[in-house]
Protein backbone atom coordinates (compact mmCIF):
# COMPACT_ATOMS: atom_id res chain seq x y z
CA UNK A 1 0.00 0.00 0.00
CA UNK A 2 1.44 3.34 -1.11
CA UNK A 3 0.24 6.92 -1.37
CA UNK A 4 0.07 9.02 -4.54
CA UNK A 5 -0.71 12.71 -4.99
CA UNK A 6 -0.29 14.71 -8.21
CA UNK A 7 -1.16 18.21 -9.36
CA UNK A 8 -1.49 20.27 -12.53
CA UNK A 9 -2.85 23.80 -12.47
CA UNK A 10 -2.07 27.41 -11.59
CA UNK A 11 -0.67 26.93 -8.08
CA UNK A 12 2.91 26.12 -7.14
CA UNK A 13 2.90 22.33 -6.94
CA UNK A 14 5.47 21.53 -4.23
CA UNK A 15 3.65 22.77 -1.08
CA UNK A 16 0.41 21.14 -2.19
CA UNK A 17 2.16 17.84 -2.94
CA UNK A 18 4.01 17.72 0.38
CA UNK A 19 0.86 18.51 2.33
CA UNK A 20 -0.99 15.80 0.40
CA UNK A 21 1.76 13.30 1.21
CA UNK A 22 1.46 14.04 4.91
CA UNK A 23 -2.23 13.16 4.74
CA UNK A 24 -1.32 9.89 3.03
CA UNK A 25 1.62 8.88 5.22
CA UNK A 26 -0.40 6.13 6.89
CA UNK A 27 -0.28 4.36 3.50
CA UNK A 28 3.50 3.94 3.65
CA UNK A 29 6.55 5.48 5.28
CA UNK A 30 9.52 3.45 4.01
CA UNK A 31 10.49 6.27 1.65
CA UNK A 32 9.06 9.28 -0.14
CA UNK A 33 9.74 11.33 -3.22
CA UNK A 34 8.58 14.18 -5.41
CA UNK A 35 8.99 15.15 -9.07
CA UNK A 36 8.13 18.42 -10.82
CA UNK A 37 8.48 19.77 -14.34
CA UNK A 38 9.36 23.45 -14.46
CA UNK A 39 8.26 26.00 -17.05
CA UNK A 40 11.38 25.30 -19.12
CA UNK A 41 10.65 21.58 -19.39
CA UNK A 42 13.17 20.51 -16.77
CA UNK A 43 12.36 17.34 -14.84
CA UNK A 44 13.46 17.47 -11.19
CA UNK A 45 13.24 14.47 -8.84
CA UNK A 46 14.01 14.29 -5.13
CA UNK A 47 13.76 11.11 -3.04
CA UNK A 48 14.56 10.15 0.53
CA UNK A 49 14.42 7.07 2.75
CA UNK A 50 12.15 7.32 5.77
CA UNK A 51 9.17 9.45 6.65
CA UNK A 52 7.97 12.45 4.69
CA UNK A 53 9.68 14.78 7.17
CA UNK A 54 13.03 13.44 5.87
CA UNK A 55 12.06 14.39 2.31
CA UNK A 56 10.95 17.81 3.55
CA UNK A 57 14.30 18.37 5.23
CA UNK A 58 16.08 17.31 2.04
CA UNK A 59 14.15 19.95 0.08
CA UNK A 60 15.07 22.61 2.64
CA UNK A 61 18.75 21.67 2.87
CA UNK A 62 20.34 22.33 -0.47
CA UNK A 63 18.09 20.24 -2.70
CA UNK A 64 15.22 22.64 -3.24
CA UNK A 65 12.99 22.38 -6.30
CA UNK A 66 12.24 25.16 -8.79
CA UNK A 67 8.75 26.60 -8.90
CA UNK A 68 6.51 24.40 -11.02
CA UNK A 69 2.82 23.98 -11.74
CA UNK A 70 2.98 20.28 -12.58
CA UNK A 71 4.22 17.57 -10.25
CA UNK A 72 3.59 14.38 -8.33
CA UNK A 73 4.70 12.77 -5.09
CA UNK A 74 4.68 9.34 -3.48
CA UNK A 75 5.06 7.70 -0.10
CA UNK A 76 6.10 4.06 -0.27
CA UNK A 77 5.42 0.82 1.53
CA UNK A 78 8.07 -1.45 0.02
CA UNK A 79 6.99 -4.47 -2.03
CA UNK A 80 9.61 -5.01 -4.76
CA UNK A 81 13.03 -3.99 -3.49
CA UNK A 82 14.32 -2.81 -0.12
CA UNK A 83 13.46 0.66 1.26
CA UNK A 84 16.37 2.56 -0.33
CA UNK A 85 16.63 5.87 -2.15
CA UNK A 86 17.20 4.03 -5.44
CA UNK A 87 13.96 2.10 -4.96
CA UNK A 88 11.93 5.13 -3.87
CA UNK A 89 9.41 6.73 -6.21
CA UNK A 90 9.13 8.66 -8.49
CA UNK A 91 10.99 6.50 -10.97
CA UNK A 92 12.26 7.72 -14.32
CA UNK A 93 13.01 5.99 -17.58
CA UNK A 94 16.69 5.59 -18.43
CA UNK A 95 16.58 8.59 -20.79
CA UNK A 96 15.42 10.86 -17.98
CA UNK A 97 12.38 11.98 -19.98
CA UNK A 98 9.53 10.20 -18.17
CA UNK A 99 8.72 10.13 -14.45
CA UNK A 100 6.15 7.87 -12.82
CA UNK A 101 4.64 7.05 -9.44
CA UNK A 102 2.83 3.76 -8.88
CA UNK A 103 0.68 1.97 -6.37
CA UNK A 104 0.16 -1.75 -6.99
CA UNK A 105 2.17 -4.69 -8.31
CA UNK A 106 3.27 -5.38 -11.90
CA UNK A 107 3.21 -9.18 -11.93
CA UNK A 108 5.05 -9.66 -15.24
CA UNK A 109 7.73 -7.07 -14.54
CA UNK A 110 10.57 -9.61 -14.79
CA UNK A 111 9.62 -10.60 -18.36
CA UNK A 112 9.18 -6.96 -19.36
CA UNK A 113 12.52 -6.07 -17.78
CA UNK A 114 14.29 -8.78 -19.76
CA UNK A 115 12.65 -7.59 -22.98
CA UNK A 116 13.76 -4.02 -22.33
CA UNK A 117 17.26 -5.09 -21.27
CA UNK A 118 17.59 -6.97 -24.56
CA UNK A 119 16.74 -3.71 -26.34
CA UNK A 120 19.61 -1.97 -24.55
CA UNK A 121 17.82 -0.27 -21.67
CA UNK A 122 19.41 0.06 -18.23
CA UNK A 123 17.90 -0.12 -14.74
CA UNK A 124 19.04 1.40 -11.46
CA UNK A 125 16.55 -0.11 -8.99
CA UNK A 126 15.00 -3.42 -7.96
CA UNK A 127 11.42 -2.26 -8.46
CA UNK A 128 8.64 -3.29 -10.78
CA UNK A 129 7.73 0.39 -11.09
CA UNK A 130 10.97 1.36 -12.82
CA UNK A 131 10.24 -1.30 -15.43
CA UNK A 132 6.93 0.39 -16.23
CA UNK A 133 8.63 3.80 -16.46
CA UNK A 134 11.24 2.45 -18.88
CA UNK A 135 8.57 0.66 -20.93
CA UNK A 136 6.57 3.87 -21.29
CA UNK A 137 9.76 5.75 -22.20
CA UNK A 138 10.63 3.17 -24.85
CA UNK A 139 7.18 3.37 -26.43
CA UNK A 140 7.19 7.17 -26.22
CA UNK A 141 10.53 7.40 -28.02
CA UNK A 142 9.28 5.00 -30.68
CA UNK A 143 6.14 7.08 -31.29
CA UNK A 144 8.20 10.25 -31.61
CA UNK A 145 10.83 8.69 -33.88
CA UNK A 146 8.18 7.41 -36.26
CA UNK A 147 6.21 10.67 -36.02
CA UNK A 148 3.25 8.44 -35.22
CA UNK A 149 1.66 10.60 -32.58
CA UNK A 150 -1.54 11.67 -34.30
CA UNK A 151 -3.88 13.98 -32.46
CA UNK A 152 -3.40 14.58 -28.75
CA UNK A 153 -0.69 13.60 -26.33
CA UNK A 154 2.12 11.21 -27.27
CA UNK A 155 2.56 10.53 -23.56
CA UNK A 156 -1.04 9.40 -23.24
CA UNK A 157 -0.65 7.08 -26.22
CA UNK A 158 2.57 5.62 -24.82
CA UNK A 159 0.97 5.00 -21.42
CA UNK A 160 -2.01 3.29 -23.03
CA UNK A 161 0.26 1.09 -25.15
CA UNK A 162 2.39 0.15 -22.13
CA UNK A 163 -0.60 -0.79 -20.01
CA UNK A 164 -1.76 -3.20 -22.70
CA UNK A 165 1.43 -5.17 -21.94
CA UNK A 166 1.11 -5.05 -18.15
CA UNK A 167 -0.30 -7.79 -15.92
CA UNK A 168 -1.19 -6.88 -12.36
CA UNK A 169 -2.60 -3.90 -10.52
CA UNK A 170 -1.73 -0.24 -10.78
CA UNK A 171 -2.67 3.29 -9.93
CA UNK A 172 -0.19 5.52 -11.75
CA UNK A 173 0.59 9.13 -12.52
CA UNK A 174 3.02 9.93 -15.33
CA UNK A 175 4.70 13.11 -16.58
CA UNK A 176 7.14 13.85 -19.42
CA UNK A 177 9.67 16.64 -19.99
CA UNK A 178 8.41 17.18 -23.54
CA UNK A 179 4.82 17.73 -22.37
CA UNK A 180 5.14 20.10 -19.39
CA UNK A 181 1.39 20.75 -19.15
CA UNK A 182 0.28 17.11 -19.27
CA UNK A 183 -0.45 14.73 -16.40
CA UNK A 184 -1.55 11.21 -17.36
CA UNK A 185 -3.19 8.97 -14.76
CA UNK A 186 -4.60 5.45 -14.98
CA UNK A 187 -5.77 2.69 -12.68
CA UNK A 188 -6.58 -0.99 -12.48
CA UNK A 189 -7.31 -2.39 -9.05
CA UNK A 190 -5.65 0.48 -7.14
CA UNK A 191 -7.80 3.54 -6.37
CA UNK A 192 -7.25 6.96 -7.90
CA UNK A 193 -9.43 10.00 -7.30
CA UNK A 194 -9.38 13.16 -9.42
CA UNK A 195 -10.28 16.42 -7.73
CA UNK A 196 -11.50 19.06 -10.17
CA UNK A 197 -10.79 22.68 -9.25
CA UNK A 198 -10.69 26.04 -11.01
CA UNK A 199 -8.31 25.39 -13.91
CA UNK A 200 -6.55 22.70 -11.88
CA UNK A 201 -6.65 19.00 -11.05
CA UNK A 202 -5.48 17.19 -7.93
CA UNK A 203 -5.06 13.42 -8.17
CA UNK A 204 -4.63 11.14 -5.16
CA UNK A 205 -4.99 7.56 -4.03
CA UNK A 206 -7.16 8.72 -1.11
CA UNK A 207 -9.71 11.53 -0.77
CA UNK A 208 -7.95 12.87 2.34
CA UNK A 209 -5.34 14.50 0.08
CA UNK A 210 -8.01 16.23 -2.03
CA UNK A 211 -10.77 17.47 0.30
CA UNK A 212 -8.90 20.63 1.25
CA UNK A 213 -8.81 21.75 -2.38
CA UNK A 214 -12.17 20.78 -3.88
CA UNK A 215 -15.37 18.86 -3.21
CA UNK A 216 -15.83 18.04 -6.89
CA UNK A 217 -14.26 14.65 -7.45
CA UNK A 218 -14.19 11.88 -10.04
CA UNK A 219 -13.55 8.31 -8.90
CA UNK A 220 -11.53 6.89 -11.77
CA UNK A 221 -12.78 3.52 -13.03
CA UNK A 222 -10.55 0.57 -13.87
CA UNK A 223 -8.97 0.72 -17.33
C-alpha atoms as a PDB file:
ATOM      1  CA  UNK A   1       0.000   0.000   0.000  1.00  0.00           C
ATOM      2  CA  UNK A   2       1.441   3.342  -1.110  1.00  0.00           C
ATOM      3  CA  UNK A   3       0.242   6.923  -1.366  1.00  0.00           C
ATOM      4  CA  UNK A   4       0.067   9.022  -4.542  1.00  0.00           C
ATOM      5  CA  UNK A   5      -0.706  12.707  -4.991  1.00  0.00           C
ATOM      6  CA  UNK A   6      -0.292  14.707  -8.210  1.00  0.00           C
ATOM      7  CA  UNK A   7      -1.156  18.206  -9.359  1.00  0.00           C
ATOM      8  CA  UNK A   8      -1.485  20.268 -12.532  1.00  0.00           C
ATOM      9  CA  UNK A   9      -2.847  23.802 -12.474  1.00  0.00           C
ATOM     10  CA  UNK A  10      -2.068  27.411 -11.588  1.00  0.00           C
ATOM     11  CA  UNK A  11      -0.670  26.935  -8.084  1.00  0.00           C
ATOM     12  CA  UNK A  12       2.907  26.117  -7.138  1.00  0.00           C
ATOM     13  CA  UNK A  13       2.900  22.334  -6.945  1.00  0.00           C
ATOM     14  CA  UNK A  14       5.473  21.527  -4.227  1.00  0.00           C
ATOM     15  CA  UNK A  15       3.654  22.766  -1.080  1.00  0.00           C
ATOM     16  CA  UNK A  16       0.414  21.138  -2.191  1.00  0.00           C
ATOM     17  CA  UNK A  17       2.155  17.839  -2.936  1.00  0.00           C
ATOM     18  CA  UNK A  18       4.011  17.716   0.379  1.00  0.00           C
ATOM     19  CA  UNK A  19       0.860  18.514   2.328  1.00  0.00           C
ATOM     20  CA  UNK A  20      -0.993  15.798   0.398  1.00  0.00           C
ATOM     21  CA  UNK A  21       1.758  13.300   1.206  1.00  0.00           C
ATOM     22  CA  UNK A  22       1.458  14.039   4.906  1.00  0.00           C
ATOM     23  CA  UNK A  23      -2.230  13.165   4.742  1.00  0.00           C
ATOM     24  CA  UNK A  24      -1.322   9.886   3.032  1.00  0.00           C
ATOM     25  CA  UNK A  25       1.623   8.883   5.222  1.00  0.00           C
ATOM     26  CA  UNK A  26      -0.400   6.128   6.887  1.00  0.00           C
ATOM     27  CA  UNK A  27      -0.281   4.356   3.496  1.00  0.00           C
ATOM     28  CA  UNK A  28       3.499   3.942   3.646  1.00  0.00           C
ATOM     29  CA  UNK A  29       6.551   5.476   5.277  1.00  0.00           C
ATOM     30  CA  UNK A  30       9.521   3.447   4.009  1.00  0.00           C
ATOM     31  CA  UNK A  31      10.494   6.269   1.648  1.00  0.00           C
ATOM     32  CA  UNK A  32       9.056   9.279  -0.135  1.00  0.00           C
ATOM     33  CA  UNK A  33       9.743  11.335  -3.224  1.00  0.00           C
ATOM     34  CA  UNK A  34       8.578  14.184  -5.414  1.00  0.00           C
ATOM     35  CA  UNK A  35       8.990  15.151  -9.075  1.00  0.00           C
ATOM     36  CA  UNK A  36       8.125  18.420 -10.818  1.00  0.00           C
ATOM     37  CA  UNK A  37       8.476  19.767 -14.342  1.00  0.00           C
ATOM     38  CA  UNK A  38       9.364  23.449 -14.458  1.00  0.00           C
ATOM     39  CA  UNK A  39       8.261  26.000 -17.049  1.00  0.00           C
ATOM     40  CA  UNK A  40      11.383  25.299 -19.124  1.00  0.00           C
ATOM     41  CA  UNK A  41      10.647  21.585 -19.387  1.00  0.00           C
ATOM     42  CA  UNK A  42      13.175  20.514 -16.774  1.00  0.00           C
ATOM     43  CA  UNK A  43      12.361  17.340 -14.837  1.00  0.00           C
ATOM     44  CA  UNK A  44      13.462  17.474 -11.194  1.00  0.00           C
ATOM     45  CA  UNK A  45      13.235  14.470  -8.840  1.00  0.00           C
ATOM     46  CA  UNK A  46      14.013  14.289  -5.126  1.00  0.00           C
ATOM     47  CA  UNK A  47      13.765  11.107  -3.043  1.00  0.00           C
ATOM     48  CA  UNK A  48      14.561  10.147   0.534  1.00  0.00           C
ATOM     49  CA  UNK A  49      14.423   7.075   2.752  1.00  0.00           C
ATOM     50  CA  UNK A  50      12.152   7.318   5.773  1.00  0.00           C
ATOM     51  CA  UNK A  51       9.174   9.452   6.649  1.00  0.00           C
ATOM     52  CA  UNK A  52       7.965  12.455   4.685  1.00  0.00           C
ATOM     53  CA  UNK A  53       9.684  14.780   7.166  1.00  0.00           C
ATOM     54  CA  UNK A  54      13.027  13.441   5.872  1.00  0.00           C
ATOM     55  CA  UNK A  55      12.064  14.393   2.313  1.00  0.00           C
ATOM     56  CA  UNK A  56      10.949  17.809   3.550  1.00  0.00           C
ATOM     57  CA  UNK A  57      14.304  18.373   5.233  1.00  0.00           C
ATOM     58  CA  UNK A  58      16.077  17.310   2.045  1.00  0.00           C
ATOM     59  CA  UNK A  59      14.151  19.949   0.084  1.00  0.00           C
ATOM     60  CA  UNK A  60      15.066  22.609   2.636  1.00  0.00           C
ATOM     61  CA  UNK A  61      18.748  21.673   2.873  1.00  0.00           C
ATOM     62  CA  UNK A  62      20.342  22.334  -0.472  1.00  0.00           C
ATOM     63  CA  UNK A  63      18.093  20.237  -2.704  1.00  0.00           C
ATOM     64  CA  UNK A  64      15.219  22.638  -3.243  1.00  0.00           C
ATOM     65  CA  UNK A  65      12.990  22.378  -6.295  1.00  0.00           C
ATOM     66  CA  UNK A  66      12.241  25.159  -8.791  1.00  0.00           C
ATOM     67  CA  UNK A  67       8.753  26.604  -8.895  1.00  0.00           C
ATOM     68  CA  UNK A  68       6.513  24.398 -11.021  1.00  0.00           C
ATOM     69  CA  UNK A  69       2.825  23.980 -11.737  1.00  0.00           C
ATOM     70  CA  UNK A  70       2.979  20.278 -12.580  1.00  0.00           C
ATOM     71  CA  UNK A  71       4.216  17.567 -10.252  1.00  0.00           C
ATOM     72  CA  UNK A  72       3.594  14.379  -8.332  1.00  0.00           C
ATOM     73  CA  UNK A  73       4.700  12.768  -5.089  1.00  0.00           C
ATOM     74  CA  UNK A  74       4.681   9.337  -3.478  1.00  0.00           C
ATOM     75  CA  UNK A  75       5.055   7.700  -0.097  1.00  0.00           C
ATOM     76  CA  UNK A  76       6.099   4.061  -0.267  1.00  0.00           C
ATOM     77  CA  UNK A  77       5.417   0.820   1.528  1.00  0.00           C
ATOM     78  CA  UNK A  78       8.072  -1.449   0.018  1.00  0.00           C
ATOM     79  CA  UNK A  79       6.995  -4.467  -2.029  1.00  0.00           C
ATOM     80  CA  UNK A  80       9.610  -5.011  -4.761  1.00  0.00           C
ATOM     81  CA  UNK A  81      13.030  -3.986  -3.490  1.00  0.00           C
ATOM     82  CA  UNK A  82      14.316  -2.805  -0.124  1.00  0.00           C
ATOM     83  CA  UNK A  83      13.464   0.661   1.257  1.00  0.00           C
ATOM     84  CA  UNK A  84      16.366   2.556  -0.327  1.00  0.00           C
ATOM     85  CA  UNK A  85      16.630   5.873  -2.152  1.00  0.00           C
ATOM     86  CA  UNK A  86      17.195   4.031  -5.440  1.00  0.00           C
ATOM     87  CA  UNK A  87      13.965   2.098  -4.962  1.00  0.00           C
ATOM     88  CA  UNK A  88      11.927   5.127  -3.872  1.00  0.00           C
ATOM     89  CA  UNK A  89       9.407   6.728  -6.214  1.00  0.00           C
ATOM     90  CA  UNK A  90       9.125   8.662  -8.490  1.00  0.00           C
ATOM     91  CA  UNK A  91      10.991   6.501 -10.973  1.00  0.00           C
ATOM     92  CA  UNK A  92      12.260   7.720 -14.319  1.00  0.00           C
ATOM     93  CA  UNK A  93      13.013   5.993 -17.576  1.00  0.00           C
ATOM     94  CA  UNK A  94      16.690   5.589 -18.433  1.00  0.00           C
ATOM     95  CA  UNK A  95      16.575   8.589 -20.793  1.00  0.00           C
ATOM     96  CA  UNK A  96      15.424  10.864 -17.985  1.00  0.00           C
ATOM     97  CA  UNK A  97      12.381  11.978 -19.982  1.00  0.00           C
ATOM     98  CA  UNK A  98       9.533  10.199 -18.171  1.00  0.00           C
ATOM     99  CA  UNK A  99       8.723  10.132 -14.449  1.00  0.00           C
ATOM    100  CA  UNK A 100       6.154   7.874 -12.824  1.00  0.00           C
ATOM    101  CA  UNK A 101       4.637   7.047  -9.440  1.00  0.00           C
ATOM    102  CA  UNK A 102       2.834   3.763  -8.882  1.00  0.00           C
ATOM    103  CA  UNK A 103       0.680   1.968  -6.369  1.00  0.00           C
ATOM    104  CA  UNK A 104       0.162  -1.754  -6.993  1.00  0.00           C
ATOM    105  CA  UNK A 105       2.173  -4.692  -8.309  1.00  0.00           C
ATOM    106  CA  UNK A 106       3.269  -5.381 -11.903  1.00  0.00           C
ATOM    107  CA  UNK A 107       3.213  -9.178 -11.929  1.00  0.00           C
ATOM    108  CA  UNK A 108       5.045  -9.655 -15.244  1.00  0.00           C
ATOM    109  CA  UNK A 109       7.729  -7.071 -14.537  1.00  0.00           C
ATOM    110  CA  UNK A 110      10.570  -9.610 -14.793  1.00  0.00           C
ATOM    111  CA  UNK A 111       9.616 -10.602 -18.357  1.00  0.00           C
ATOM    112  CA  UNK A 112       9.184  -6.964 -19.365  1.00  0.00           C
ATOM    113  CA  UNK A 113      12.521  -6.070 -17.777  1.00  0.00           C
ATOM    114  CA  UNK A 114      14.294  -8.780 -19.764  1.00  0.00           C
ATOM    115  CA  UNK A 115      12.649  -7.594 -22.978  1.00  0.00           C
ATOM    116  CA  UNK A 116      13.757  -4.017 -22.326  1.00  0.00           C
ATOM    117  CA  UNK A 117      17.261  -5.089 -21.273  1.00  0.00           C
ATOM    118  CA  UNK A 118      17.592  -6.972 -24.561  1.00  0.00           C
ATOM    119  CA  UNK A 119      16.737  -3.708 -26.338  1.00  0.00           C
ATOM    120  CA  UNK A 120      19.611  -1.967 -24.548  1.00  0.00           C
ATOM    121  CA  UNK A 121      17.817  -0.273 -21.668  1.00  0.00           C
ATOM    122  CA  UNK A 122      19.407   0.058 -18.226  1.00  0.00           C
ATOM    123  CA  UNK A 123      17.899  -0.121 -14.741  1.00  0.00           C
ATOM    124  CA  UNK A 124      19.036   1.400 -11.462  1.00  0.00           C
ATOM    125  CA  UNK A 125      16.553  -0.110  -8.986  1.00  0.00           C
ATOM    126  CA  UNK A 126      15.002  -3.421  -7.958  1.00  0.00           C
ATOM    127  CA  UNK A 127      11.418  -2.260  -8.458  1.00  0.00           C
ATOM    128  CA  UNK A 128       8.636  -3.295 -10.783  1.00  0.00           C
ATOM    129  CA  UNK A 129       7.725   0.390 -11.092  1.00  0.00           C
ATOM    130  CA  UNK A 130      10.967   1.365 -12.817  1.00  0.00           C
ATOM    131  CA  UNK A 131      10.245  -1.304 -15.432  1.00  0.00           C
ATOM    132  CA  UNK A 132       6.934   0.390 -16.226  1.00  0.00           C
ATOM    133  CA  UNK A 133       8.634   3.801 -16.461  1.00  0.00           C
ATOM    134  CA  UNK A 134      11.245   2.446 -18.879  1.00  0.00           C
ATOM    135  CA  UNK A 135       8.571   0.656 -20.932  1.00  0.00           C
ATOM    136  CA  UNK A 136       6.574   3.875 -21.295  1.00  0.00           C
ATOM    137  CA  UNK A 137       9.760   5.746 -22.196  1.00  0.00           C
ATOM    138  CA  UNK A 138      10.635   3.170 -24.852  1.00  0.00           C
ATOM    139  CA  UNK A 139       7.181   3.372 -26.430  1.00  0.00           C
ATOM    140  CA  UNK A 140       7.187   7.167 -26.218  1.00  0.00           C
ATOM    141  CA  UNK A 141      10.527   7.399 -28.017  1.00  0.00           C
ATOM    142  CA  UNK A 142       9.280   4.998 -30.685  1.00  0.00           C
ATOM    143  CA  UNK A 143       6.145   7.078 -31.287  1.00  0.00           C
ATOM    144  CA  UNK A 144       8.201  10.247 -31.607  1.00  0.00           C
ATOM    145  CA  UNK A 145      10.833   8.693 -33.878  1.00  0.00           C
ATOM    146  CA  UNK A 146       8.176   7.411 -36.263  1.00  0.00           C
ATOM    147  CA  UNK A 147       6.210  10.669 -36.019  1.00  0.00           C
ATOM    148  CA  UNK A 148       3.252   8.437 -35.223  1.00  0.00           C
ATOM    149  CA  UNK A 149       1.660  10.601 -32.576  1.00  0.00           C
ATOM    150  CA  UNK A 150      -1.541  11.672 -34.301  1.00  0.00           C
ATOM    151  CA  UNK A 151      -3.879  13.984 -32.455  1.00  0.00           C
ATOM    152  CA  UNK A 152      -3.400  14.580 -28.750  1.00  0.00           C
ATOM    153  CA  UNK A 153      -0.694  13.601 -26.331  1.00  0.00           C
ATOM    154  CA  UNK A 154       2.116  11.208 -27.273  1.00  0.00           C
ATOM    155  CA  UNK A 155       2.558  10.529 -23.562  1.00  0.00           C
ATOM    156  CA  UNK A 156      -1.042   9.401 -23.240  1.00  0.00           C
ATOM    157  CA  UNK A 157      -0.649   7.075 -26.215  1.00  0.00           C
ATOM    158  CA  UNK A 158       2.575   5.625 -24.818  1.00  0.00           C
ATOM    159  CA  UNK A 159       0.966   4.995 -21.418  1.00  0.00           C
ATOM    160  CA  UNK A 160      -2.013   3.293 -23.034  1.00  0.00           C
ATOM    161  CA  UNK A 161       0.265   1.088 -25.147  1.00  0.00           C
ATOM    162  CA  UNK A 162       2.395   0.152 -22.134  1.00  0.00           C
ATOM    163  CA  UNK A 163      -0.601  -0.793 -20.006  1.00  0.00           C
ATOM    164  CA  UNK A 164      -1.761  -3.204 -22.703  1.00  0.00           C
ATOM    165  CA  UNK A 165       1.428  -5.173 -21.938  1.00  0.00           C
ATOM    166  CA  UNK A 166       1.111  -5.051 -18.153  1.00  0.00           C
ATOM    167  CA  UNK A 167      -0.300  -7.785 -15.922  1.00  0.00           C
ATOM    168  CA  UNK A 168      -1.189  -6.880 -12.360  1.00  0.00           C
ATOM    169  CA  UNK A 169      -2.597  -3.895 -10.520  1.00  0.00           C
ATOM    170  CA  UNK A 170      -1.735  -0.237 -10.782  1.00  0.00           C
ATOM    171  CA  UNK A 171      -2.674   3.291  -9.932  1.00  0.00           C
ATOM    172  CA  UNK A 172      -0.191   5.522 -11.750  1.00  0.00           C
ATOM    173  CA  UNK A 173       0.586   9.134 -12.519  1.00  0.00           C
ATOM    174  CA  UNK A 174       3.016   9.934 -15.332  1.00  0.00           C
ATOM    175  CA  UNK A 175       4.701  13.113 -16.583  1.00  0.00           C
ATOM    176  CA  UNK A 176       7.135  13.853 -19.420  1.00  0.00           C
ATOM    177  CA  UNK A 177       9.672  16.642 -19.995  1.00  0.00           C
ATOM    178  CA  UNK A 178       8.414  17.177 -23.540  1.00  0.00           C
ATOM    179  CA  UNK A 179       4.818  17.727 -22.367  1.00  0.00           C
ATOM    180  CA  UNK A 180       5.144  20.104 -19.389  1.00  0.00           C
ATOM    181  CA  UNK A 181       1.394  20.752 -19.148  1.00  0.00           C
ATOM    182  CA  UNK A 182       0.282  17.108 -19.267  1.00  0.00           C
ATOM    183  CA  UNK A 183      -0.445  14.734 -16.403  1.00  0.00           C
ATOM    184  CA  UNK A 184      -1.550  11.214 -17.359  1.00  0.00           C
ATOM    185  CA  UNK A 185      -3.189   8.970 -14.763  1.00  0.00           C
ATOM    186  CA  UNK A 186      -4.602   5.453 -14.984  1.00  0.00           C
ATOM    187  CA  UNK A 187      -5.768   2.687 -12.683  1.00  0.00           C
ATOM    188  CA  UNK A 188      -6.584  -0.988 -12.477  1.00  0.00           C
ATOM    189  CA  UNK A 189      -7.311  -2.388  -9.049  1.00  0.00           C
ATOM    190  CA  UNK A 190      -5.649   0.481  -7.143  1.00  0.00           C
ATOM    191  CA  UNK A 191      -7.797   3.537  -6.368  1.00  0.00           C
ATOM    192  CA  UNK A 192      -7.250   6.959  -7.899  1.00  0.00           C
ATOM    193  CA  UNK A 193      -9.433   9.999  -7.299  1.00  0.00           C
ATOM    194  CA  UNK A 194      -9.378  13.158  -9.419  1.00  0.00           C
ATOM    195  CA  UNK A 195     -10.277  16.424  -7.729  1.00  0.00           C
ATOM    196  CA  UNK A 196     -11.501  19.065 -10.170  1.00  0.00           C
ATOM    197  CA  UNK A 197     -10.787  22.681  -9.251  1.00  0.00           C
ATOM    198  CA  UNK A 198     -10.693  26.041 -11.014  1.00  0.00           C
ATOM    199  CA  UNK A 199      -8.311  25.390 -13.915  1.00  0.00           C
ATOM    200  CA  UNK A 200      -6.555  22.701 -11.879  1.00  0.00           C
ATOM    201  CA  UNK A 201      -6.646  19.005 -11.049  1.00  0.00           C
ATOM    202  CA  UNK A 202      -5.481  17.191  -7.932  1.00  0.00           C
ATOM    203  CA  UNK A 203      -5.061  13.417  -8.166  1.00  0.00           C
ATOM    204  CA  UNK A 204      -4.629  11.140  -5.156  1.00  0.00           C
ATOM    205  CA  UNK A 205      -4.988   7.564  -4.026  1.00  0.00           C
ATOM    206  CA  UNK A 206      -7.160   8.723  -1.114  1.00  0.00           C
ATOM    207  CA  UNK A 207      -9.708  11.525  -0.772  1.00  0.00           C
ATOM    208  CA  UNK A 208      -7.951  12.869   2.337  1.00  0.00           C
ATOM    209  CA  UNK A 209      -5.339  14.500   0.082  1.00  0.00           C
ATOM    210  CA  UNK A 210      -8.007  16.234  -2.025  1.00  0.00           C
ATOM    211  CA  UNK A 211     -10.775  17.466   0.299  1.00  0.00           C
ATOM    212  CA  UNK A 212      -8.895  20.628   1.253  1.00  0.00           C
ATOM    213  CA  UNK A 213      -8.810  21.755  -2.381  1.00  0.00           C
ATOM    214  CA  UNK A 214     -12.173  20.780  -3.878  1.00  0.00           C
ATOM    215  CA  UNK A 215     -15.367  18.863  -3.207  1.00  0.00           C
ATOM    216  CA  UNK A 216     -15.828  18.039  -6.891  1.00  0.00           C
ATOM    217  CA  UNK A 217     -14.259  14.647  -7.448  1.00  0.00           C
ATOM    218  CA  UNK A 218     -14.194  11.884 -10.035  1.00  0.00           C
ATOM    219  CA  UNK A 219     -13.545   8.308  -8.904  1.00  0.00           C
ATOM    220  CA  UNK A 220     -11.532   6.889 -11.766  1.00  0.00           C
ATOM    221  CA  UNK A 221     -12.777   3.521 -13.030  1.00  0.00           C
ATOM    222  CA  UNK A 222     -10.548   0.570 -13.872  1.00  0.00           C
ATOM    223  CA  UNK A 223      -8.965   0.723 -17.334  1.00  0.00           C
END
